[in-house]
Amino acid sequence: METKCSNFWLGLGLGSILGAIVYRYSQTSKANQLKEKISHAMHVAADQAEDMADSAKEQALNVGKKVADKVADKTYEVAERADEIKNKVHDFVDAKK
């Protein structure tokens, strides 16, 4: 039981020392510069992603507008043809009377 307990305290002490060393090195100016560069890169990437999303939204709206125009044009053509057929049927019925 004494060996396990001493191993625990030895591991705890070494872990604390290593943690303090890692913490000390993480607070250096180079580490801070690296953190700032990473933060800046993340902000730039987020801005670019927003710009891409806005561009995709505009393109989707433009495509939707073009499709709606084409559908309206085709619908108008079909309506004209239906009107022509209606007139022909009326003329045919009037001629038979």
N, C-alpha and C. Protein backbone atom coordinates (compact mmCIF):
# COMPACT_ATOMS: atom_id res chain seq x y z
N MET A 1 0.82 -1.19 0.00
CA MET A 1 0.00 0.00 0.00
C MET A 1 0.87 1.25 0.00
N GLU A 2 2.01 1.19 0.66
CA GLU A 2 2.91 2.33 0.73
C GLU A 2 3.48 2.66 -0.64
N THR A 3 3.73 1.67 -1.47
CA THR A 3 4.30 1.90 -2.79
C THR A 3 3.31 2.62 -3.69
N LYS A 4 2.05 2.20 -3.66
CA LYS A 4 1.03 2.84 -4.48
C LYS A 4 0.84 4.29 -4.06
N CYS A 5 0.86 4.55 -2.77
CA CYS A 5 0.65 5.90 -2.26
C CYS A 5 1.83 6.80 -2.64
N SER A 6 3.05 6.25 -2.52
CA SER A 6 4.23 7.06 -2.87
C SER A 6 4.28 7.30 -4.37
N ASN A 7 3.84 6.32 -5.17
CA ASN A 7 3.79 6.51 -6.62
C ASN A 7 2.78 7.61 -6.99
N PHE A 8 1.70 7.65 -6.28
CA PHE A 8 0.70 8.69 -6.52
C PHE A 8 1.28 10.06 -6.26
N TRP A 9 1.94 10.22 -5.07
CA TRP A 9 2.50 11.53 -4.73
C TRP A 9 3.64 11.92 -5.67
N LEU A 10 4.41 10.94 -6.10
CA LEU A 10 5.49 11.20 -7.04
C LEU A 10 4.92 11.65 -8.40
N GLY A 11 3.90 10.96 -8.87
CA GLY A 11 3.25 11.34 -10.13
C GLY A 11 2.58 12.69 -10.04
N LEU A 12 1.95 12.96 -8.92
CA LEU A 12 1.29 14.26 -8.72
C LEU A 12 2.32 15.39 -8.73
N GLY A 13 3.45 15.18 -8.07
CA GLY A 13 4.50 16.20 -8.03
C GLY A 13 5.10 16.44 -9.42
N LEU A 14 5.42 15.35 -10.13
CA LEU A 14 5.99 15.49 -11.47
C LEU A 14 4.99 16.14 -12.43
N GLY A 15 3.76 15.77 -12.32
CA GLY A 15 2.72 16.35 -13.17
C GLY A 15 2.57 17.84 -12.91
N SER A 16 2.65 18.24 -11.65
CA SER A 16 2.54 19.65 -11.30
C SER A 16 3.72 20.43 -11.86
N ILE A 17 4.92 19.87 -11.74
CA ILE A 17 6.11 20.54 -12.26
C ILE A 17 6.03 20.67 -13.78
N LEU A 18 5.66 19.59 -14.45
CA LEU A 18 5.52 19.64 -15.92
C LEU A 18 4.42 20.62 -16.33
N GLY A 19 3.33 20.65 -15.61
CA GLY A 19 2.25 21.59 -15.91
C GLY A 19 2.70 23.03 -15.76
N ALA A 20 3.48 23.32 -14.73
CA ALA A 20 3.99 24.67 -14.52
C ALA A 20 4.95 25.07 -15.64
N ILE A 21 5.78 24.14 -16.09
CA ILE A 21 6.71 24.43 -17.19
C ILE A 21 5.95 24.70 -18.48
N VAL A 22 4.97 23.86 -18.78
CA VAL A 22 4.17 24.05 -20.00
C VAL A 22 3.42 25.37 -19.94
N TYR A 23 2.88 25.69 -18.80
CA TYR A 23 2.18 26.96 -18.65
C TYR A 23 3.12 28.13 -18.86
N ARG A 24 4.32 28.05 -18.32
CA ARG A 24 5.31 29.13 -18.45
C ARG A 24 5.67 29.34 -19.92
N TYR A 25 5.90 28.25 -20.65
CA TYR A 25 6.25 28.38 -22.07
C TYR A 25 5.07 28.83 -22.92
N SER A 26 3.86 28.53 -22.48
CA SER A 26 2.69 28.96 -23.25
C SER A 26 2.42 30.45 -23.10
N GLN A 27 3.06 31.09 -22.14
CA GLN A 27 2.87 32.51 -21.92
C GLN A 27 3.99 33.36 -22.54
N THR A 28 4.86 32.77 -23.33
CA THR A 28 5.94 33.52 -23.96
C THR A 28 5.39 34.40 -25.07
N SER A 29 6.22 35.34 -25.52
CA SER A 29 5.79 36.26 -26.57
C SER A 29 5.54 35.52 -27.88
N LYS A 30 6.34 34.51 -28.18
CA LYS A 30 6.13 33.75 -29.41
C LYS A 30 4.80 33.00 -29.37
N ALA A 31 4.48 32.46 -28.22
CA ALA A 31 3.21 31.75 -28.09
C ALA A 31 2.05 32.74 -28.23
N ASN A 32 2.19 33.92 -27.66
CA ASN A 32 1.14 34.93 -27.79
C ASN A 32 0.99 35.39 -29.24
N GLN A 33 2.12 35.56 -29.94
CA GLN A 33 2.07 35.93 -31.35
C GLN A 33 1.36 34.84 -32.17
N LEU A 34 1.67 33.60 -31.85
CA LEU A 34 1.03 32.49 -32.55
C LEU A 34 -0.47 32.48 -32.28
N LYS A 35 -0.87 32.74 -31.04
CA LYS A 35 -2.29 32.80 -30.71
C LYS A 35 -2.97 33.92 -31.49
N GLU A 36 -2.30 35.08 -31.57
CA GLU A 36 -2.87 36.21 -32.31
C GLU A 36 -3.00 35.90 -33.80
N LYS A 37 -1.98 35.23 -34.36
CA LYS A 37 -2.04 34.87 -35.78
C LYS A 37 -3.17 33.88 -36.04
N ILE A 38 -3.33 32.93 -35.15
CA ILE A 38 -4.40 31.94 -35.31
C ILE A 38 -5.76 32.63 -35.20
N SER A 39 -5.89 33.52 -34.24
CA SER A 39 -7.14 34.25 -34.07
C SER A 39 -7.46 35.09 -35.30
N HIS A 40 -6.44 35.78 -35.83
CA HIS A 40 -6.63 36.59 -37.03
C HIS A 40 -7.04 35.72 -38.21
N ALA A 41 -6.37 34.59 -38.37
CA ALA A 41 -6.71 33.69 -39.47
C ALA A 41 -8.14 33.17 -39.36
N MET A 42 -8.59 32.90 -38.15
CA MET A 42 -9.96 32.43 -37.94
C MET A 42 -10.97 33.53 -38.28
N HIS A 43 -10.65 34.78 -37.93
CA HIS A 43 -11.55 35.89 -38.26
C HIS A 43 -11.61 36.10 -39.77
N VAL A 44 -10.46 36.01 -40.43
CA VAL A 44 -10.44 36.18 -41.89
C VAL A 44 -11.25 35.07 -42.55
N ALA A 45 -11.07 33.85 -42.08
CA ALA A 45 -11.82 32.73 -42.64
C ALA A 45 -13.33 32.90 -42.42
N ALA A 46 -13.71 33.39 -41.25
CA ALA A 46 -15.13 33.61 -40.97
C ALA A 46 -15.70 34.70 -41.88
N ASP A 47 -14.93 35.78 -42.09
CA ASP A 47 -15.38 36.84 -42.98
C ASP A 47 -15.54 36.33 -44.41
N GLN A 48 -14.58 35.53 -44.87
CA GLN A 48 -14.66 34.97 -46.21
C GLN A 48 -15.85 34.03 -46.34
N ALA A 49 -16.13 33.27 -45.31
CA ALA A 49 -17.28 32.36 -45.34
C ALA A 49 -18.58 33.16 -45.43
N GLU A 50 -18.66 34.26 -44.71
CA GLU A 50 -19.86 35.10 -44.77
C GLU A 50 -20.02 35.70 -46.17
N ASP A 51 -18.90 36.16 -46.75
CA ASP A 51 -18.96 36.72 -48.10
C ASP A 51 -19.41 35.66 -49.11
N MET A 52 -18.90 34.45 -48.97
CA MET A 52 -19.29 33.37 -49.88
C MET A 52 -20.77 33.04 -49.72
N ALA A 53 -21.24 33.04 -48.48
CA ALA A 53 -22.66 32.74 -48.24
C ALA A 53 -23.54 33.83 -48.85
N ASP A 54 -23.14 35.09 -48.70
CA ASP A 54 -23.91 36.18 -49.30
C ASP A 54 -23.93 36.08 -50.82
N SER A 55 -22.78 35.75 -51.39
CA SER A 55 -22.68 35.61 -52.85
C SER A 55 -23.57 34.46 -53.34
N ALA A 56 -23.54 33.35 -52.62
CA ALA A 56 -24.37 32.20 -53.01
C ALA A 56 -25.86 32.56 -52.90
N LYS A 57 -26.22 33.33 -51.89
CA LYS A 57 -27.61 33.74 -51.72
C LYS A 57 -28.05 34.63 -52.89
N GLU A 58 -27.19 35.58 -53.27
CA GLU A 58 -27.52 36.44 -54.40
C GLU A 58 -27.67 35.65 -55.69
N GLN A 59 -26.76 34.71 -55.92
CA GLN A 59 -26.83 33.89 -57.12
C GLN A 59 -28.10 33.05 -57.14
N ALA A 60 -28.47 32.50 -55.99
CA ALA A 60 -29.70 31.71 -55.92
C ALA A 60 -30.93 32.57 -56.21
N LEU A 61 -30.93 33.80 -55.70
CA LEU A 61 -32.05 34.69 -55.97
C LEU A 61 -32.12 35.04 -57.46
N ASN A 62 -30.97 35.29 -58.07
CA ASN A 62 -30.95 35.60 -59.50
C ASN A 62 -31.45 34.43 -60.33
N VAL A 63 -31.03 33.22 -59.98
CA VAL A 63 -31.50 32.03 -60.70
C VAL A 63 -33.00 31.87 -60.52
N GLY A 64 -33.49 32.08 -59.31
CA GLY A 64 -34.93 31.99 -59.05
C GLY A 64 -35.71 32.99 -59.87
N LYS A 65 -35.17 34.20 -60.00
CA LYS A 65 -35.84 35.24 -60.78
C LYS A 65 -35.89 34.85 -62.26
N LYS A 66 -34.79 34.31 -62.77
CA LYS A 66 -34.75 33.90 -64.18
C LYS A 66 -35.73 32.76 -64.45
N VAL A 67 -35.80 31.81 -63.52
CA VAL A 67 -36.72 30.68 -63.69
C VAL A 67 -38.17 31.18 -63.66
N ALA A 68 -38.47 32.09 -62.75
CA ALA A 68 -39.82 32.63 -62.66
C ALA A 68 -40.19 33.36 -63.95
N ASP A 69 -39.24 34.12 -64.52
CA ASP A 69 -39.50 34.81 -65.79
C ASP A 69 -39.78 33.82 -66.91
N LYS A 70 -38.98 32.75 -66.99
CA LYS A 70 -39.19 31.75 -68.04
C LYS A 70 -40.54 31.05 -67.88
N VAL A 71 -40.90 30.72 -66.64
CA VAL A 71 -42.19 30.06 -66.39
C VAL A 71 -43.33 31.00 -66.78
N ALA A 72 -43.20 32.27 -66.45
CA ALA A 72 -44.24 33.24 -66.79
C ALA A 72 -44.37 33.37 -68.31
N ASP A 73 -43.23 33.41 -69.02
CA ASP A 73 -43.27 33.51 -70.48
C ASP A 73 -43.96 32.29 -71.09
N LYS A 74 -43.60 31.11 -70.63
CA LYS A 74 -44.20 29.88 -71.17
C LYS A 74 -45.69 29.82 -70.83
N THR A 75 -46.06 30.26 -69.63
CA THR A 75 -47.47 30.26 -69.24
C THR A 75 -48.25 31.21 -70.13
N TYR A 76 -47.67 32.36 -70.44
CA TYR A 76 -48.33 33.32 -71.32
C TYR A 76 -48.52 32.72 -72.71
N GLU A 77 -47.50 32.02 -73.22
CA GLU A 77 -47.62 31.38 -74.54
C GLU A 77 -48.73 30.32 -74.54
N VAL A 78 -48.79 29.53 -73.48
CA VAL A 78 -49.83 28.49 -73.38
C VAL A 78 -51.21 29.14 -73.32
N ALA A 79 -51.32 30.25 -72.57
CA ALA A 79 -52.61 30.94 -72.47
C ALA A 79 -53.02 31.50 -73.83
N GLU A 80 -52.09 32.03 -74.61
CA GLU A 80 -52.41 32.54 -75.94
C GLU A 80 -52.89 31.40 -76.84
N ARG A 81 -52.21 30.26 -76.78
CA ARG A 81 -52.62 29.11 -77.59
C ARG A 81 -54.01 28.62 -77.19
N ALA A 82 -54.28 28.59 -75.90
CA ALA A 82 -55.60 28.16 -75.42
C ALA A 82 -56.67 29.14 -75.90
N ASP A 83 -56.36 30.42 -75.89
CA ASP A 83 -57.31 31.43 -76.37
C ASP A 83 -57.57 31.25 -77.87
N GLU A 84 -56.51 30.95 -78.63
CA GLU A 84 -56.68 30.71 -80.07
C GLU A 84 -57.58 29.49 -80.32
N ILE A 85 -57.33 28.43 -79.56
CA ILE A 85 -58.14 27.21 -79.72
C ILE A 85 -59.59 27.49 -79.34
N LYS A 86 -59.81 28.25 -78.28
CA LYS A 86 -61.16 28.61 -77.86
C LYS A 86 -61.87 29.39 -78.98
N ASN A 87 -61.16 30.34 -79.56
CA ASN A 87 -61.75 31.12 -80.65
C ASN A 87 -62.09 30.23 -81.85
N LYS A 88 -61.20 29.28 -82.17
CA LYS A 88 -61.47 28.37 -83.28
C LYS A 88 -62.70 27.52 -83.01
N VAL A 89 -62.83 27.04 -81.77
CA VAL A 89 -63.99 26.21 -81.40
C VAL A 89 -65.27 27.06 -81.51
N HIS A 90 -65.23 28.28 -81.01
CA HIS A 90 -66.40 29.16 -81.09
C HIS A 90 -66.76 29.45 -82.56
N ASP A 91 -65.75 29.70 -83.37
CA ASP A 91 -66.00 29.94 -84.79
C ASP A 91 -66.61 28.72 -85.47
N PHE A 92 -66.11 27.54 -85.11
CA PHE A 92 -66.62 26.29 -85.68
C PHE A 92 -68.07 26.08 -85.27
N VAL A 93 -68.39 26.34 -83.99
CA VAL A 93 -69.76 26.17 -83.49
C VAL A 93 -70.68 27.19 -84.16
N ASP A 94 -70.24 28.41 -84.28
CA ASP A 94 -71.05 29.44 -84.93
C ASP A 94 -71.30 29.10 -86.40
N ALA A 95 -70.30 28.52 -87.06
CA ALA A 95 -70.46 28.15 -88.47
C ALA A 95 -71.44 27.00 -88.62
N LYS A 96 -71.54 26.10 -87.65
CA LYS A 96 -72.44 24.97 -87.73
C LYS A 96 -73.89 25.34 -87.41
N LYS A 97 -74.12 26.49 -86.81
CA LYS A 97 -75.48 26.88 -86.43
C LYS A 97 -76.22 27.43 -87.56
